[in-house]
N, C-alpha and C. Protein backbone atom coordinates (compact mmCIF):
# COMPACT_ATOMS: atom_id res chain seq x y z
N MET A 1 16.09 -11.65 116.91
CA MET A 1 16.33 -13.30 116.76
C MET A 1 17.47 -13.84 116.76
N ALA A 2 18.00 -14.42 117.83
CA ALA A 2 18.97 -15.12 118.21
C ALA A 2 19.42 -16.02 117.32
N PRO A 3 20.61 -16.45 116.78
CA PRO A 3 21.09 -17.29 116.01
C PRO A 3 21.37 -18.78 116.56
N SER A 4 21.12 -20.02 115.92
CA SER A 4 20.69 -21.00 116.70
C SER A 4 22.13 -21.73 117.11
N SER A 5 22.12 -22.33 118.34
CA SER A 5 23.14 -22.90 118.79
C SER A 5 24.08 -23.72 117.51
N GLU A 6 23.50 -24.31 116.66
CA GLU A 6 24.42 -25.20 116.03
C GLU A 6 25.08 -24.17 115.13
N TYR A 7 24.68 -23.20 114.73
CA TYR A 7 25.48 -21.84 114.06
C TYR A 7 26.84 -21.38 114.66
N ARG A 8 26.45 -21.14 115.89
CA ARG A 8 27.15 -20.28 116.61
C ARG A 8 28.76 -20.97 116.33
N TRP A 9 29.13 -22.20 116.29
CA TRP A 9 30.42 -22.29 115.93
C TRP A 9 30.88 -21.59 114.58
N LEU A 10 30.20 -21.66 113.57
CA LEU A 10 30.19 -20.89 112.41
C LEU A 10 30.95 -19.22 113.00
N GLN A 11 29.77 -18.89 113.13
CA GLN A 11 30.20 -17.32 113.77
C GLN A 11 31.65 -17.64 114.25
N ILE A 12 31.85 -18.25 115.38
CA ILE A 12 33.23 -18.15 115.80
C ILE A 12 34.73 -18.21 115.20
N ALA A 13 33.87 -19.44 114.26
CA ALA A 13 35.18 -19.64 113.05
C ALA A 13 35.30 -18.48 112.11
N GLY A 14 34.24 -18.08 111.51
CA GLY A 14 34.32 -16.29 111.19
C GLY A 14 35.15 -15.37 111.68
N PHE A 15 34.62 -15.53 112.96
CA PHE A 15 35.46 -14.23 113.98
C PHE A 15 37.28 -14.16 113.50
N VAL A 16 37.26 -15.58 113.70
CA VAL A 16 38.74 -16.14 114.06
C VAL A 16 39.31 -16.09 112.54
N THR A 17 38.55 -16.60 111.48
CA THR A 17 39.37 -16.16 110.37
C THR A 17 39.59 -14.87 109.61
N LEU A 18 38.34 -13.99 110.18
CA LEU A 18 38.60 -12.68 109.75
C LEU A 18 39.77 -11.93 110.77
N ALA A 19 40.19 -12.32 112.18
CA ALA A 19 40.77 -11.76 112.66
C ALA A 19 42.18 -12.09 112.18
N LEU A 20 42.32 -13.43 111.82
CA LEU A 20 44.01 -13.94 111.19
C LEU A 20 44.03 -13.45 109.70
N ALA A 21 43.12 -13.01 108.93
CA ALA A 21 43.30 -12.28 107.60
C ALA A 21 43.78 -11.12 108.11
N ALA A 22 43.29 -10.58 108.66
CA ALA A 22 43.61 -9.05 109.26
C ALA A 22 45.20 -9.06 109.85
N LEU A 23 45.35 -9.86 110.78
CA LEU A 23 46.70 -10.00 111.29
C LEU A 23 47.17 -10.38 110.26
N LEU A 24 47.35 -11.18 108.89
CA LEU A 24 48.38 -11.24 108.06
C LEU A 24 48.47 -10.25 107.15
N ALA A 25 47.34 -9.33 106.96
CA ALA A 25 47.49 -8.32 106.02
C ALA A 25 48.02 -7.60 107.34
N VAL A 26 48.44 -7.22 108.30
CA VAL A 26 49.25 -6.17 108.93
C VAL A 26 50.55 -6.43 108.67
N ILE A 27 50.94 -7.98 109.13
CA ILE A 27 52.09 -8.39 108.87
C ILE A 27 52.83 -8.31 107.28
N ALA A 28 52.13 -8.54 106.32
CA ALA A 28 52.47 -8.31 105.23
C ALA A 28 52.89 -6.94 104.74
N TRP A 29 51.79 -5.91 105.34
CA TRP A 29 52.27 -4.46 105.19
C TRP A 29 53.42 -3.91 105.96
N ARG A 30 53.68 -4.73 107.15
CA ARG A 30 54.85 -4.46 107.83
C ARG A 30 56.14 -4.81 106.84
N GLU A 31 56.24 -5.97 106.25
CA GLU A 31 57.30 -6.78 105.79
C GLU A 31 57.78 -5.96 104.63
N ALA A 32 56.65 -5.41 103.88
CA ALA A 32 56.75 -4.73 102.77
C ALA A 32 57.38 -3.26 102.64
N GLY A 33 56.93 -2.82 104.06
CA GLY A 33 57.42 -1.39 104.30
C GLY A 33 59.03 -1.91 104.91
N GLU A 34 59.34 -2.81 105.32
CA GLU A 34 60.89 -2.95 105.60
C GLU A 34 61.63 -2.96 104.38
N GLU A 35 61.01 -3.84 103.38
CA GLU A 35 61.92 -4.36 102.07
C GLU A 35 61.98 -2.94 101.30
N GLN A 36 60.66 -2.01 101.52
CA GLN A 36 61.08 -0.60 100.81
C GLN A 36 62.04 -0.05 101.40
N ARG A 37 62.53 -0.01 102.85
CA ARG A 37 63.23 1.05 103.40
C ARG A 37 64.79 0.26 103.05
N LYS A 38 64.77 -0.88 103.14
CA LYS A 38 66.11 -1.47 102.87
C LYS A 38 66.58 -1.30 101.59
N ARG A 39 65.60 -1.19 100.64
CA ARG A 39 66.05 -0.77 98.83
C ARG A 39 66.60 0.51 99.29
N GLU A 40 65.79 1.48 99.66
CA GLU A 40 66.15 2.54 99.62
C GLU A 40 67.28 3.24 100.60
N ASP A 41 67.75 2.26 101.61
CA ASP A 41 68.81 2.33 102.35
C ASP A 41 69.81 1.95 101.55
N VAL A 42 69.90 1.14 100.84
CA VAL A 42 71.14 0.63 99.88
C VAL A 42 71.21 2.01 98.51
N GLY A 43 70.02 2.53 97.68
CA GLY A 43 70.38 3.43 97.05
C GLY A 43 70.76 4.34 97.68
N ALA A 44 70.56 5.17 98.81
CA ALA A 44 71.10 6.12 99.50
C ALA A 44 72.77 5.79 99.75
N ARG A 45 73.02 4.41 100.37
CA ARG A 45 74.43 4.11 100.06
C ARG A 45 75.32 3.91 99.29
N ALA A 46 74.56 3.59 98.07
CA ALA A 46 75.34 3.45 96.76
C ALA A 46 75.66 4.97 96.12
N ALA A 47 74.47 5.75 96.37
CA ALA A 47 74.45 7.40 95.89
C ALA A 47 76.11 7.64 96.53
N ALA A 48 76.28 7.61 97.73
CA ALA A 48 77.03 8.06 98.66
C ALA A 48 78.19 7.57 98.36
N MET A 49 78.54 6.26 98.03
CA MET A 49 79.57 5.62 97.49
C MET A 49 80.08 6.30 96.21
N MET A 50 79.17 6.52 95.15
CA MET A 50 79.53 7.36 93.99
C MET A 50 80.04 8.43 94.49
N ASN A 51 79.46 9.39 95.15
CA ASN A 51 79.95 11.02 95.31
C ASN A 51 81.25 10.65 95.99
N ARG A 52 81.66 9.73 96.74
CA ARG A 52 83.30 9.48 97.37
C ARG A 52 84.12 9.18 96.18
N ILE A 53 83.52 8.60 95.32
CA ILE A 53 84.38 7.97 94.08
C ILE A 53 84.73 8.99 93.16
N GLU A 54 83.45 9.94 92.87
CA GLU A 54 83.82 11.25 92.16
C GLU A 54 84.84 11.73 92.90
N ALA A 55 84.59 12.30 94.01
CA ALA A 55 85.48 13.16 95.00
C ALA A 55 86.76 13.00 94.76
N GLU A 56 87.19 11.79 95.17
CA GLU A 56 88.43 11.10 94.98
C GLU A 56 89.07 11.25 93.70
N VAL A 57 88.44 11.22 92.44
CA VAL A 57 88.57 11.28 91.06
C VAL A 57 88.96 12.91 90.57
N GLN A 58 88.36 13.21 91.23
CA GLN A 58 88.41 15.09 91.16
C GLN A 58 89.49 15.51 91.69
N ARG A 59 90.07 14.67 92.93
CA ARG A 59 91.22 14.79 93.68
C ARG A 59 92.52 14.32 92.99
N ILE A 60 92.49 12.97 92.48
CA ILE A 60 93.27 12.67 91.50
C ILE A 60 93.53 13.54 90.50
N GLU A 61 92.84 13.81 89.53
CA GLU A 61 92.91 14.62 88.18
C GLU A 61 93.55 16.25 88.84
N ASN A 62 93.37 16.60 89.81
CA ASN A 62 93.71 17.92 90.29
C ASN A 62 95.20 17.67 90.85
N ALA A 63 95.48 16.24 91.50
CA ALA A 63 96.96 16.64 91.70
C ALA A 63 97.90 16.34 90.36
N ALA A 64 97.14 15.55 89.29
CA ALA A 64 97.94 15.08 88.75
C ALA A 64 97.86 16.43 87.47
N SER A 65 97.27 17.36 87.35
CA SER A 65 97.13 18.32 86.66
C SER A 65 98.00 19.57 87.20
N GLN A 66 98.09 19.35 88.55
CA GLN A 66 99.50 20.37 89.12
C GLN A 66 100.97 19.83 88.89
N LYS A 67 100.98 18.92 88.47
CA LYS A 67 102.56 18.25 88.48
C LYS A 67 102.93 18.94 86.95
């Protein structure tokens, strides 16, 4: 049974709404992934900086103990 022509626009609007909702979900997913990547990158940079600081402290301590 074919839908009535007066309800055809409701079907089209429903499909358009569904497509927009899917698009927004994909965009939100990508944004969340980018935010997580940035957070993890900051953490990795902070860890690398701490390692450099600790190495410098160790070098200074070794130089002080040799004098």
